[in-house]
Amino acid sequence: MNIILLGPPGAGKGTQARKLVDGRNMIQLSTGDMLRDARSSGTAMGQKVAAIMDAGELVTDEIVIGLIEEKLEGDHGGGFIFDGFPRTLEQADALNHILAKHDASLSHVVAMEVNDKALVQRITARSTCGNCGEVYNDITKPIPADEKCVNCGGSDFKRRADDNEESLRTRLMEYYKKTSPLIGYYHAKGQLVWVPGLGEIDDVAAGIADVLDG
């Protein structure tokens, strides 16, 4: 089973992807994680990624697709979760091509439905563990009283500099402008399923499970 998690910044895609990794042995393919891993890998592709990122340039679709293809050639586990990719119609077409090349296909495209106002409130209260990436929220999931991460025991918590209302609204506008066409694209293919994305983490996870098991 291979799925895409669609949703704006802060919708909880990463959190839900980790639950699927833990519960179903799926493999999360996050664009950001893949680029960071490639950069430190020492491979020819990794050196190319490092040079581009060090120069402050944007990594091309060709490179991201190449990284995904490398992953598809390895262990499939319980299937792949595409998190943060595709973002454009061109990337969606490229993903279809490389999946078909590996005799694979998409099972579902799970779109996480959120309310922008509530999303802004959620994100401006967000922090993450600097060691393992576990996400916390001042309102819904505060940092433990002993100030140690429940996942790894680390104590280095960070807030993104752009997790403020003005920056977030800019990111949301960019997301909707580039990614909204994907909604129609996957709806036309009969693969799109909406799941409420602003409930409790376990409730959202249950909604996604219903889709995958349906």
Protein backbone atom coordinates (compact mmCIF):
# COMPACT_ATOMS: atom_id res chain seq x y z
CA MET A 1 0.00 0.00 0.00
CA ASN A 2 1.36 3.40 -1.02
CA ILE A 3 -0.31 6.65 0.05
CA ILE A 4 0.10 10.39 -0.18
CA LEU A 5 -0.65 12.61 2.81
CA LEU A 6 -1.87 16.00 1.58
CA GLY A 7 -2.40 19.01 3.79
CA PRO A 8 -1.12 22.52 4.46
CA PRO A 9 1.85 23.31 6.73
CA GLY A 10 1.06 22.24 10.28
CA ALA A 11 -1.86 19.98 9.39
CA GLY A 12 -0.16 17.10 11.20
CA LYS A 13 1.10 15.07 8.23
CA GLY A 14 4.39 14.25 9.91
CA THR A 15 2.72 13.15 13.14
CA GLN A 16 0.29 10.88 11.32
CA ALA A 17 3.05 9.50 9.10
CA ARG A 18 5.03 8.48 12.20
CA LYS A 19 1.98 6.66 13.58
CA LEU A 20 1.65 4.74 10.32
CA VAL A 21 5.35 3.90 10.41
CA ASP A 22 5.02 2.55 13.95
CA GLY A 23 1.67 0.82 13.50
CA ARG A 24 1.90 -0.55 9.97
CA ASN A 25 5.62 -0.76 9.25
CA MET A 26 5.20 1.75 6.43
CA ILE A 27 8.14 3.82 5.20
CA GLN A 28 7.82 7.60 5.38
CA LEU A 29 9.30 9.47 2.44
CA SER A 30 9.51 13.06 3.61
CA THR A 31 11.19 15.40 1.13
CA GLY A 32 12.98 17.31 3.89
CA ASP A 33 14.25 14.16 5.61
CA MET A 34 15.42 12.64 2.34
CA LEU A 35 17.38 15.78 1.44
CA ARG A 36 19.01 15.91 4.89
CA ASP A 37 19.88 12.21 4.73
CA ALA A 38 21.26 12.55 1.21
CA ARG A 39 23.34 15.55 2.18
CA SER A 40 25.12 13.60 4.92
CA SER A 41 25.33 10.27 3.03
CA GLY A 42 28.52 10.93 1.10
CA THR A 43 27.03 9.39 -2.07
CA ALA A 44 27.33 11.07 -5.47
CA MET A 45 23.70 12.19 -5.21
CA GLY A 46 24.31 13.39 -1.66
CA GLN A 47 27.28 15.48 -2.71
CA LYS A 48 25.16 17.04 -5.45
CA VAL A 49 22.41 17.88 -2.94
CA ALA A 50 24.93 19.33 -0.48
CA ALA A 51 26.48 21.57 -3.15
CA ILE A 52 23.07 22.94 -4.18
CA MET A 53 21.89 23.52 -0.61
CA ASP A 54 25.20 25.10 0.44
CA ALA A 55 24.87 27.51 -2.48
CA GLY A 56 21.41 28.49 -1.19
CA GLU A 57 19.73 27.23 -4.34
CA LEU A 58 16.50 25.22 -4.63
CA VAL A 59 16.84 21.48 -5.14
CA THR A 60 15.33 20.56 -8.51
CA ASP A 61 12.43 18.19 -9.08
CA GLU A 62 14.83 15.91 -10.93
CA ILE A 63 16.95 15.41 -7.82
CA VAL A 64 13.97 14.88 -5.48
CA ILE A 65 12.50 12.33 -7.90
CA GLY A 66 15.90 10.63 -8.09
CA LEU A 67 15.98 10.33 -4.28
CA ILE A 68 12.47 8.86 -4.25
CA GLU A 69 13.42 6.36 -6.93
CA GLU A 70 16.40 5.26 -4.84
CA LYS A 71 14.03 4.58 -1.93
CA LEU A 72 11.64 2.61 -4.15
CA GLU A 73 14.51 0.32 -5.08
CA GLY A 74 15.08 -0.60 -1.41
CA ASP A 75 12.95 -2.16 1.32
CA HIS A 76 9.22 -1.56 0.77
CA GLY A 77 8.13 -2.46 4.31
CA GLY A 78 4.36 -2.08 4.59
CA GLY A 79 4.34 0.45 1.76
CA PHE A 80 5.36 4.08 1.31
CA ILE A 81 3.94 7.30 2.72
CA PHE A 82 4.68 10.30 0.51
CA ASP A 83 4.81 13.30 2.85
CA GLY A 84 5.46 16.69 1.25
CA PHE A 85 5.62 15.27 -2.27
CA PRO A 86 4.16 15.79 -4.80
CA ARG A 87 3.50 19.52 -4.50
CA THR A 88 2.71 20.26 -8.15
CA LEU A 89 0.98 18.56 -11.07
CA GLU A 90 4.34 18.02 -12.76
CA GLN A 91 5.61 16.20 -9.67
CA ALA A 92 2.40 14.14 -9.50
CA ASP A 93 2.92 12.99 -13.10
CA ALA A 94 6.55 12.15 -12.34
CA LEU A 95 5.52 10.13 -9.27
CA ASN A 96 3.01 8.14 -11.34
CA HIS A 97 5.78 7.39 -13.82
CA ILE A 98 8.34 6.12 -11.31
CA LEU A 99 5.74 4.08 -9.41
CA ALA A 100 4.66 2.40 -12.64
CA LYS A 101 8.31 1.77 -13.48
CA HIS A 102 8.57 -0.21 -10.23
CA ASP A 103 5.26 -2.04 -10.75
CA ALA A 104 3.68 -0.03 -7.95
CA SER A 105 0.76 2.36 -7.65
CA LEU A 106 -1.00 4.70 -5.24
CA SER A 107 -3.69 3.20 -3.02
CA HIS A 108 -5.05 6.42 -1.51
CA VAL A 109 -4.44 10.14 -1.41
CA VAL A 110 -5.45 11.26 2.09
CA ALA A 111 -6.25 14.98 2.24
CA MET A 112 -6.26 16.36 5.77
CA GLU A 113 -9.07 18.88 6.08
CA VAL A 114 -8.28 21.84 8.34
CA ASN A 115 -9.62 25.26 9.26
CA ASP A 116 -7.05 27.98 8.60
CA LYS A 117 -7.83 30.01 11.73
CA ALA A 118 -7.54 26.95 13.97
CA LEU A 119 -4.42 25.90 12.10
CA VAL A 120 -2.74 29.25 12.79
CA GLN A 121 -3.55 28.87 16.49
CA ARG A 122 -2.09 25.36 16.49
CA ILE A 123 1.14 26.25 14.70
CA THR A 124 1.99 29.37 16.66
CA ALA A 125 1.93 27.15 19.79
CA ARG A 126 4.11 24.43 18.23
CA SER A 127 7.58 23.28 19.28
CA THR A 128 9.63 20.22 18.39
CA CYS A 129 12.27 18.06 20.02
CA GLY A 130 15.59 19.09 18.50
CA ASN A 131 16.83 15.51 18.81
CA CYS A 132 14.07 13.31 17.32
CA GLY A 133 11.53 15.74 15.84
CA GLU A 134 8.64 14.82 18.18
CA VAL A 135 6.04 17.61 17.94
CA TYR A 136 4.59 19.39 21.00
CA ASN A 137 1.92 22.06 21.37
CA ASP A 138 1.43 24.49 24.25
CA ILE A 139 -2.33 23.81 24.19
CA THR A 140 -2.92 20.23 23.06
CA LYS A 141 0.35 18.45 23.87
CA PRO A 142 2.60 20.52 26.14
CA ILE A 143 6.23 19.69 26.80
CA PRO A 144 6.34 17.35 29.85
CA ALA A 145 6.84 18.90 33.27
CA ASP A 146 10.29 17.31 33.56
CA GLU A 147 11.18 18.98 30.23
CA LYS A 148 12.22 15.66 28.68
CA CYS A 149 10.92 14.39 25.34
CA VAL A 150 8.54 11.45 25.76
CA ASN A 151 10.00 9.82 22.66
CA CYS A 152 13.77 10.08 23.15
CA GLY A 153 14.37 11.73 26.54
CA GLY A 154 16.04 14.75 24.96
CA SER A 155 15.69 18.22 26.46
CA ASP A 156 16.48 20.45 23.47
CA PHE A 157 13.16 21.91 22.29
CA LYS A 158 12.92 24.32 19.38
CA ARG A 159 10.39 26.64 17.76
CA ARG A 160 10.64 27.48 14.08
CA ALA A 161 11.39 31.13 13.47
CA ASP A 162 8.62 31.25 10.86
CA ASP A 163 5.97 29.71 13.15
CA ASN A 164 4.27 33.08 13.56
CA GLU A 165 0.94 34.23 12.17
CA GLU A 166 2.26 36.44 9.37
CA SER A 167 4.74 33.87 8.06
CA LEU A 168 2.24 31.05 8.37
CA ARG A 169 -0.42 32.87 6.35
CA THR A 170 2.19 33.46 3.63
CA ARG A 171 3.09 29.75 3.66
CA LEU A 172 -0.60 28.79 3.52
CA MET A 173 -1.18 31.05 0.50
CA GLU A 174 1.82 29.50 -1.26
CA TYR A 175 0.59 26.01 -0.42
CA TYR A 176 -2.93 26.61 -1.74
CA LYS A 177 -1.64 28.28 -4.88
CA LYS A 178 0.72 25.43 -5.80
CA THR A 179 -0.95 22.37 -4.31
CA SER A 180 -4.69 22.97 -4.73
CA PRO A 181 -4.62 21.65 -8.33
CA LEU A 182 -3.59 18.27 -6.88
CA ILE A 183 -6.99 18.02 -5.17
CA GLY A 184 -8.76 18.05 -8.53
CA TYR A 185 -6.10 15.84 -10.11
CA TYR A 186 -6.48 13.01 -7.58
CA HIS A 187 -10.25 13.48 -7.28
CA ALA A 188 -10.53 12.85 -11.02
CA LYS A 189 -8.51 9.66 -10.57
CA GLY A 190 -10.86 8.48 -7.79
CA GLN A 191 -7.99 8.32 -5.28
CA LEU A 192 -8.75 11.34 -3.07
CA VAL A 193 -10.26 10.87 0.39
CA TRP A 194 -10.83 13.67 2.91
CA VAL A 195 -10.10 13.13 6.62
CA PRO A 196 -10.78 15.73 9.37
CA GLY A 197 -7.32 16.91 10.39
CA LEU A 198 -7.83 19.10 13.44
CA GLY A 199 -9.13 16.59 15.98
CA GLU A 200 -7.13 14.77 18.63
CA ILE A 201 -4.12 12.93 17.17
CA ASP A 202 -5.63 9.50 17.83
CA ASP A 203 -8.99 10.52 16.32
CA VAL A 204 -7.30 11.71 13.13
CA ALA A 205 -5.28 8.48 13.06
CA ALA A 206 -8.50 6.46 13.39
CA GLY A 207 -10.00 8.35 10.44
CA ILE A 208 -6.96 7.56 8.31
CA ALA A 209 -7.07 3.91 9.42
CA ASP A 210 -10.71 3.70 8.31
CA VAL A 211 -9.65 4.89 4.85
CA LEU A 212 -6.75 2.47 4.57
CA ASP A 213 -8.73 -0.51 5.86
CA GLY A 214 -11.91 0.29 3.94
